[in-house]
Amino acid sequence: MGRRDDMRGEPPDGSGEATNDPEWTRDLWSTVRCAGVLLALLLLVDWSSGRLTLWRATVWFALAGLLFVVLCPDRVSAGGNWLASRRLVRERRVRTDLLVSVRCLDGISQRVLLRDAFGGRVEIDPEVLVRNPQLWCRLDEGARKAAADGILLCGTTVLRQISRRVDRETARAVFKASGLE
């Protein structure tokens, strides 16, 4: 059995290497620290009150583990005509040159939902794209091709909004680096 891209028709081009979110490692360590601090505090409070038992310690470990799972960030990467988001167990991938829709999902935290012609679906935080212009360029490149081919049915407005945010943040970073802030 071949790779998933081989089964879906034309494989993505191999132009360049995969681009990863460089902030992911820092975010992961922040998640580990939060879960560790919660665990340490719960164990310390129970120990100081004299009520620490094996059963209670197990509950505190489970609670800290649950916090880690909830806070664990997605690892977003992109390559030639694909974008992937990896959670703890599963990776989801879309072909950016075959996108059919890009939607903005509002809620507690804003998410962007990308869908391709083969049913692939990826939800990512738009802040990841704003912080990492290389990831944005990979997505934008494929989305422009999909729009030019008439495949992208909805989502150009969302892509333009993200593009403006990326441009604004990039300009702000340039001004800050040059001392013109």
C-alpha atoms as a PDB file:
ATOM      1  CA  MET A   1       0.000   0.000   0.000  1.00  0.00           C
ATOM      2  CA  GLY A   2       1.404   3.395  -0.999  1.00  0.00           C
ATOM      3  CA  ARG A   3       1.481   6.660   0.821  1.00  0.00           C
ATOM      4  CA  ARG A   4      -1.780   8.506   1.291  1.00  0.00           C
ATOM      5  CA  ASP A   5      -0.819  11.100  -1.339  1.00  0.00           C
ATOM      6  CA  ASP A   6      -0.115   8.353  -3.879  1.00  0.00           C
ATOM      7  CA  MET A   7      -3.632   7.004  -3.424  1.00  0.00           C
ATOM      8  CA  ARG A   8      -5.226  10.399  -3.982  1.00  0.00           C
ATOM      9  CA  GLY A   9      -3.981  11.004  -7.492  1.00  0.00           C
ATOM     10  CA  GLU A  10      -1.180  13.410  -8.319  1.00  0.00           C
ATOM     11  CA  PRO A  11       1.291  13.604  -5.424  1.00  0.00           C
ATOM     12  CA  PRO A  12       2.326  17.025  -4.162  1.00  0.00           C
ATOM     13  CA  ASP A  13       5.508  18.359  -5.687  1.00  0.00           C
ATOM     14  CA  GLY A  14       8.608  17.937  -3.580  1.00  0.00           C
ATOM     15  CA  SER A  15       9.774  21.536  -3.940  1.00  0.00           C
ATOM     16  CA  GLY A  16      11.856  22.393  -0.937  1.00  0.00           C
ATOM     17  CA  GLU A  17      11.760  20.823   2.469  1.00  0.00           C
ATOM     18  CA  ALA A  18       8.951  20.810   4.955  1.00  0.00           C
ATOM     19  CA  THR A  19       8.472  23.972   6.980  1.00  0.00           C
ATOM     20  CA  ASN A  20       7.633  23.505  10.650  1.00  0.00           C
ATOM     21  CA  ASP A  21       6.323  25.824  13.323  1.00  0.00           C
ATOM     22  CA  PRO A  22       9.463  26.870  15.252  1.00  0.00           C
ATOM     23  CA  GLU A  23       7.355  28.009  18.233  1.00  0.00           C
ATOM     24  CA  TRP A  24       5.944  24.514  18.766  1.00  0.00           C
ATOM     25  CA  THR A  25       8.764  23.297  21.015  1.00  0.00           C
ATOM     26  CA  ARG A  26       8.452  26.345  23.267  1.00  0.00           C
ATOM     27  CA  ASP A  27       4.673  25.887  23.452  1.00  0.00           C
ATOM     28  CA  LEU A  28       5.085  22.196  24.270  1.00  0.00           C
ATOM     29  CA  TRP A  29       7.491  22.969  27.126  1.00  0.00           C
ATOM     30  CA  SER A  30       5.046  25.561  28.465  1.00  0.00           C
ATOM     31  CA  THR A  31       2.363  22.870  28.480  1.00  0.00           C
ATOM     32  CA  VAL A  32       4.658  20.445  30.316  1.00  0.00           C
ATOM     33  CA  ARG A  33       5.526  23.139  32.876  1.00  0.00           C
ATOM     34  CA  CYS A  34       1.844  23.977  33.496  1.00  0.00           C
ATOM     35  CA  ALA A  35       0.934  20.335  34.045  1.00  0.00           C
ATOM     36  CA  GLY A  36       4.014  19.809  36.227  1.00  0.00           C
ATOM     37  CA  VAL A  37       3.331  22.850  38.395  1.00  0.00           C
ATOM     38  CA  LEU A  38      -0.287  21.781  38.887  1.00  0.00           C
ATOM     39  CA  LEU A  39       0.833  18.282  39.872  1.00  0.00           C
ATOM     40  CA  ALA A  40       3.486  19.601  42.258  1.00  0.00           C
ATOM     41  CA  LEU A  41       1.048  21.998  43.934  1.00  0.00           C
ATOM     42  CA  LEU A  42      -1.645  19.348  44.351  1.00  0.00           C
ATOM     43  CA  LEU A  43       0.823  16.839  45.790  1.00  0.00           C
ATOM     44  CA  LEU A  44       2.382  19.478  48.068  1.00  0.00           C
ATOM     45  CA  VAL A  45      -0.985  20.606  49.448  1.00  0.00           C
ATOM     46  CA  ASP A  46      -2.060  17.017  50.075  1.00  0.00           C
ATOM     47  CA  TRP A  47       1.293  16.095  51.643  1.00  0.00           C
ATOM     48  CA  SER A  48       1.321  19.154  53.926  1.00  0.00           C
ATOM     49  CA  SER A  49      -2.216  18.425  55.107  1.00  0.00           C
ATOM     50  CA  GLY A  50      -1.284  14.797  55.812  1.00  0.00           C
ATOM     51  CA  ARG A  51      -3.982  13.414  53.512  1.00  0.00           C
ATOM     52  CA  LEU A  52      -1.751  12.194  50.678  1.00  0.00           C
ATOM     53  CA  THR A  53      -2.573   8.604  49.766  1.00  0.00           C
ATOM     54  CA  LEU A  54      -1.766   6.466  46.753  1.00  0.00           C
ATOM     55  CA  TRP A  55      -5.332   6.833  45.482  1.00  0.00           C
ATOM     56  CA  ARG A  56      -5.270  10.641  45.771  1.00  0.00           C
ATOM     57  CA  ALA A  57      -1.824  10.856  44.154  1.00  0.00           C
ATOM     58  CA  THR A  58      -3.156   8.787  41.225  1.00  0.00           C
ATOM     59  CA  VAL A  59      -6.062  11.203  40.808  1.00  0.00           C
ATOM     60  CA  TRP A  60      -3.663  14.182  40.841  1.00  0.00           C
ATOM     61  CA  PHE A  61      -1.420  12.527  38.220  1.00  0.00           C
ATOM     62  CA  ALA A  62      -4.481  11.850  36.055  1.00  0.00           C
ATOM     63  CA  LEU A  63      -5.620  15.459  36.439  1.00  0.00           C
ATOM     64  CA  ALA A  64      -2.180  16.783  35.447  1.00  0.00           C
ATOM     65  CA  GLY A  65      -2.151  14.390  32.477  1.00  0.00           C
ATOM     66  CA  LEU A  66      -5.561  15.626  31.402  1.00  0.00           C
ATOM     67  CA  LEU A  67      -4.355  19.228  31.586  1.00  0.00           C
ATOM     68  CA  PHE A  68      -1.371  18.303  29.403  1.00  0.00           C
ATOM     69  CA  VAL A  69      -3.618  16.659  26.793  1.00  0.00           C
ATOM     70  CA  VAL A  70      -5.948  19.671  26.692  1.00  0.00           C
ATOM     71  CA  LEU A  71      -3.147  22.241  26.428  1.00  0.00           C
ATOM     72  CA  CYS A  72      -0.845  20.289  24.098  1.00  0.00           C
ATOM     73  CA  PRO A  73      -0.350  22.397  20.939  1.00  0.00           C
ATOM     74  CA  ASP A  74      -0.807  21.148  17.374  1.00  0.00           C
ATOM     75  CA  ARG A  75       2.406  20.706  15.406  1.00  0.00           C
ATOM     76  CA  VAL A  76       1.791  22.448  12.089  1.00  0.00           C
ATOM     77  CA  SER A  77       4.039  21.785   9.116  1.00  0.00           C
ATOM     78  CA  ALA A  78       3.833  22.480   5.401  1.00  0.00           C
ATOM     79  CA  GLY A  79       5.622  21.361   2.282  1.00  0.00           C
ATOM     80  CA  GLY A  80       5.123  21.403  -1.456  1.00  0.00           C
ATOM     81  CA  ASN A  81       1.333  21.646  -1.834  1.00  0.00           C
ATOM     82  CA  TRP A  82       0.417  20.166   1.552  1.00  0.00           C
ATOM     83  CA  LEU A  83      -0.235  21.356   5.086  1.00  0.00           C
ATOM     84  CA  ALA A  84      -0.417  19.053   8.106  1.00  0.00           C
ATOM     85  CA  SER A  85      -1.465  19.395  11.726  1.00  0.00           C
ATOM     86  CA  ARG A  86      -0.326  16.736  14.192  1.00  0.00           C
ATOM     87  CA  ARG A  87      -1.895  16.202  17.600  1.00  0.00           C
ATOM     88  CA  LEU A  88      -0.764  13.643  20.176  1.00  0.00           C
ATOM     89  CA  VAL A  89      -2.182  10.667  18.301  1.00  0.00           C
ATOM     90  CA  ARG A  90      -3.244  11.695  14.810  1.00  0.00           C
ATOM     91  CA  GLU A  91      -1.985  13.750  11.911  1.00  0.00           C
ATOM     92  CA  ARG A  92      -4.392  15.464   9.527  1.00  0.00           C
ATOM     93  CA  ARG A  93      -3.223  16.645   6.130  1.00  0.00           C
ATOM     94  CA  VAL A  94      -4.686  18.624   3.240  1.00  0.00           C
ATOM     95  CA  ARG A  95      -3.493  19.261  -0.267  1.00  0.00           C
ATOM     96  CA  THR A  96      -3.263  23.046  -0.532  1.00  0.00           C
ATOM     97  CA  ASP A  97      -3.312  22.997  -4.341  1.00  0.00           C
ATOM     98  CA  LEU A  98      -6.666  21.177  -4.164  1.00  0.00           C
ATOM     99  CA  LEU A  99      -8.410  23.231  -1.461  1.00  0.00           C
ATOM    100  CA  VAL A 100     -12.159  23.544  -1.898  1.00  0.00           C
ATOM    101  CA  SER A 101     -12.949  25.633   1.165  1.00  0.00           C
ATOM    102  CA  VAL A 102     -11.302  27.730   3.840  1.00  0.00           C
ATOM    103  CA  ARG A 103     -13.555  28.767   6.712  1.00  0.00           C
ATOM    104  CA  CYS A 104     -13.031  30.729   9.887  1.00  0.00           C
ATOM    105  CA  LEU A 105     -14.517  29.053  12.960  1.00  0.00           C
ATOM    106  CA  ASP A 106     -15.234  31.357  15.863  1.00  0.00           C
ATOM    107  CA  GLY A 107     -15.507  30.154  19.411  1.00  0.00           C
ATOM    108  CA  ILE A 108     -13.348  30.279  22.488  1.00  0.00           C
ATOM    109  CA  SER A 109     -10.336  30.390  20.187  1.00  0.00           C
ATOM    110  CA  GLN A 110     -10.459  31.223  16.520  1.00  0.00           C
ATOM    111  CA  ARG A 111      -9.653  28.362  14.132  1.00  0.00           C
ATOM    112  CA  VAL A 112      -9.271  28.087  10.370  1.00  0.00           C
ATOM    113  CA  LEU A 113     -10.789  25.002   8.750  1.00  0.00           C
ATOM    114  CA  LEU A 114      -9.172  23.864   5.499  1.00  0.00           C
ATOM    115  CA  ARG A 115     -10.788  21.202   3.291  1.00  0.00           C
ATOM    116  CA  ASP A 116      -9.399  19.675   0.129  1.00  0.00           C
ATOM    117  CA  ALA A 117     -11.019  17.913  -2.828  1.00  0.00           C
ATOM    118  CA  PHE A 118     -10.260  14.462  -1.362  1.00  0.00           C
ATOM    119  CA  GLY A 119     -12.049  15.111   1.928  1.00  0.00           C
ATOM    120  CA  GLY A 120      -8.921  15.988   3.892  1.00  0.00           C
ATOM    121  CA  ARG A 121      -9.649  18.384   6.745  1.00  0.00           C
ATOM    122  CA  VAL A 122      -7.289  20.395   8.945  1.00  0.00           C
ATOM    123  CA  GLU A 123      -8.142  22.868  11.717  1.00  0.00           C
ATOM    124  CA  ILE A 124      -5.379  25.255  12.714  1.00  0.00           C
ATOM    125  CA  ASP A 125      -4.979  28.357  14.797  1.00  0.00           C
ATOM    126  CA  PRO A 126      -4.510  31.321  12.422  1.00  0.00           C
ATOM    127  CA  GLU A 127      -1.973  32.739  14.878  1.00  0.00           C
ATOM    128  CA  VAL A 128       0.415  29.939  13.838  1.00  0.00           C
ATOM    129  CA  LEU A 129       0.304  31.268  10.264  1.00  0.00           C
ATOM    130  CA  VAL A 130       0.726  34.868  11.425  1.00  0.00           C
ATOM    131  CA  ARG A 131       3.761  33.977  13.579  1.00  0.00           C
ATOM    132  CA  ASN A 132       5.367  31.891  10.816  1.00  0.00           C
ATOM    133  CA  PRO A 133       5.353  33.576   7.404  1.00  0.00           C
ATOM    134  CA  GLN A 134       7.013  30.534   5.809  1.00  0.00           C
ATOM    135  CA  LEU A 135       4.042  28.349   6.714  1.00  0.00           C
ATOM    136  CA  TRP A 136       1.728  31.052   5.416  1.00  0.00           C
ATOM    137  CA  CYS A 137       3.641  31.264   2.108  1.00  0.00           C
ATOM    138  CA  ARG A 138       3.299  27.492   1.598  1.00  0.00           C
ATOM    139  CA  LEU A 139      -0.445  27.631   2.257  1.00  0.00           C
ATOM    140  CA  ASP A 140      -0.961  30.766   0.167  1.00  0.00           C
ATOM    141  CA  GLU A 141       0.971  29.324  -2.762  1.00  0.00           C
ATOM    142  CA  GLY A 142      -1.236  26.239  -2.910  1.00  0.00           C
ATOM    143  CA  ALA A 143      -4.437  28.202  -2.284  1.00  0.00           C
ATOM    144  CA  ARG A 144      -3.641  30.565  -5.165  1.00  0.00           C
ATOM    145  CA  LYS A 145      -3.194  27.572  -7.465  1.00  0.00           C
ATOM    146  CA  ALA A 146      -6.509  26.098  -6.281  1.00  0.00           C
ATOM    147  CA  ALA A 147      -8.246  29.450  -6.858  1.00  0.00           C
ATOM    148  CA  ALA A 148      -6.690  29.801 -10.320  1.00  0.00           C
ATOM    149  CA  ASP A 149      -7.858  26.287 -11.219  1.00  0.00           C
ATOM    150  CA  GLY A 150     -11.393  27.114  -9.993  1.00  0.00           C
ATOM    151  CA  ILE A 151     -11.305  24.479  -7.250  1.00  0.00           C
ATOM    152  CA  LEU A 152     -11.385  26.850  -4.265  1.00  0.00           C
ATOM    153  CA  LEU A 153     -15.118  27.495  -3.894  1.00  0.00           C
ATOM    154  CA  CYS A 154     -15.156  29.567  -0.714  1.00  0.00           C
ATOM    155  CA  GLY A 155     -12.580  31.111   1.530  1.00  0.00           C
ATOM    156  CA  THR A 156     -10.794  33.797  -0.439  1.00  0.00           C
ATOM    157  CA  THR A 157     -12.001  36.400   2.058  1.00  0.00           C
ATOM    158  CA  VAL A 158     -10.564  34.438   4.989  1.00  0.00           C
ATOM    159  CA  LEU A 159      -7.267  34.022   3.136  1.00  0.00           C
ATOM    160  CA  ARG A 160      -7.117  37.763   2.419  1.00  0.00           C
ATOM    161  CA  GLN A 161      -7.717  38.560   6.097  1.00  0.00           C
ATOM    162  CA  ILE A 162      -4.924  36.228   7.165  1.00  0.00           C
ATOM    163  CA  SER A 163      -2.681  37.696   4.461  1.00  0.00           C
ATOM    164  CA  ARG A 164      -3.265  41.194   5.809  1.00  0.00           C
ATOM    165  CA  ARG A 165      -2.471  40.048   9.355  1.00  0.00           C
ATOM    166  CA  VAL A 166       0.728  38.337   8.192  1.00  0.00           C
ATOM    167  CA  ASP A 167       1.788  41.442   6.252  1.00  0.00           C
ATOM    168  CA  ARG A 168       1.010  43.700   9.226  1.00  0.00           C
ATOM    169  CA  GLU A 169       2.972  41.532  11.680  1.00  0.00           C
ATOM    170  CA  THR A 170       5.894  41.192   9.267  1.00  0.00           C
ATOM    171  CA  ALA A 171       6.052  44.970   8.784  1.00  0.00           C
ATOM    172  CA  ARG A 172       5.840  45.463  12.546  1.00  0.00           C
ATOM    173  CA  ALA A 173       8.748  43.026  13.057  1.00  0.00           C
ATOM    174  CA  VAL A 174      10.834  44.841  10.427  1.00  0.00           C
ATOM    175  CA  PHE A 175      10.164  48.228  12.039  1.00  0.00           C
ATOM    176  CA  LYS A 176      11.002  46.831  15.474  1.00  0.00           C
ATOM    177  CA  ALA A 177      14.247  45.242  14.239  1.00  0.00           C
ATOM    178  CA  SER A 178      15.314  48.465  12.518  1.00  0.00           C
ATOM    179  CA  GLY A 179      14.469  50.621  15.535  1.00  0.00           C
ATOM    180  CA  LEU A 180      11.653  52.527  13.786  1.00  0.00           C
ATOM    181  CA  GLU A 181       8.920  51.277  16.112  1.00  0.00           C
END
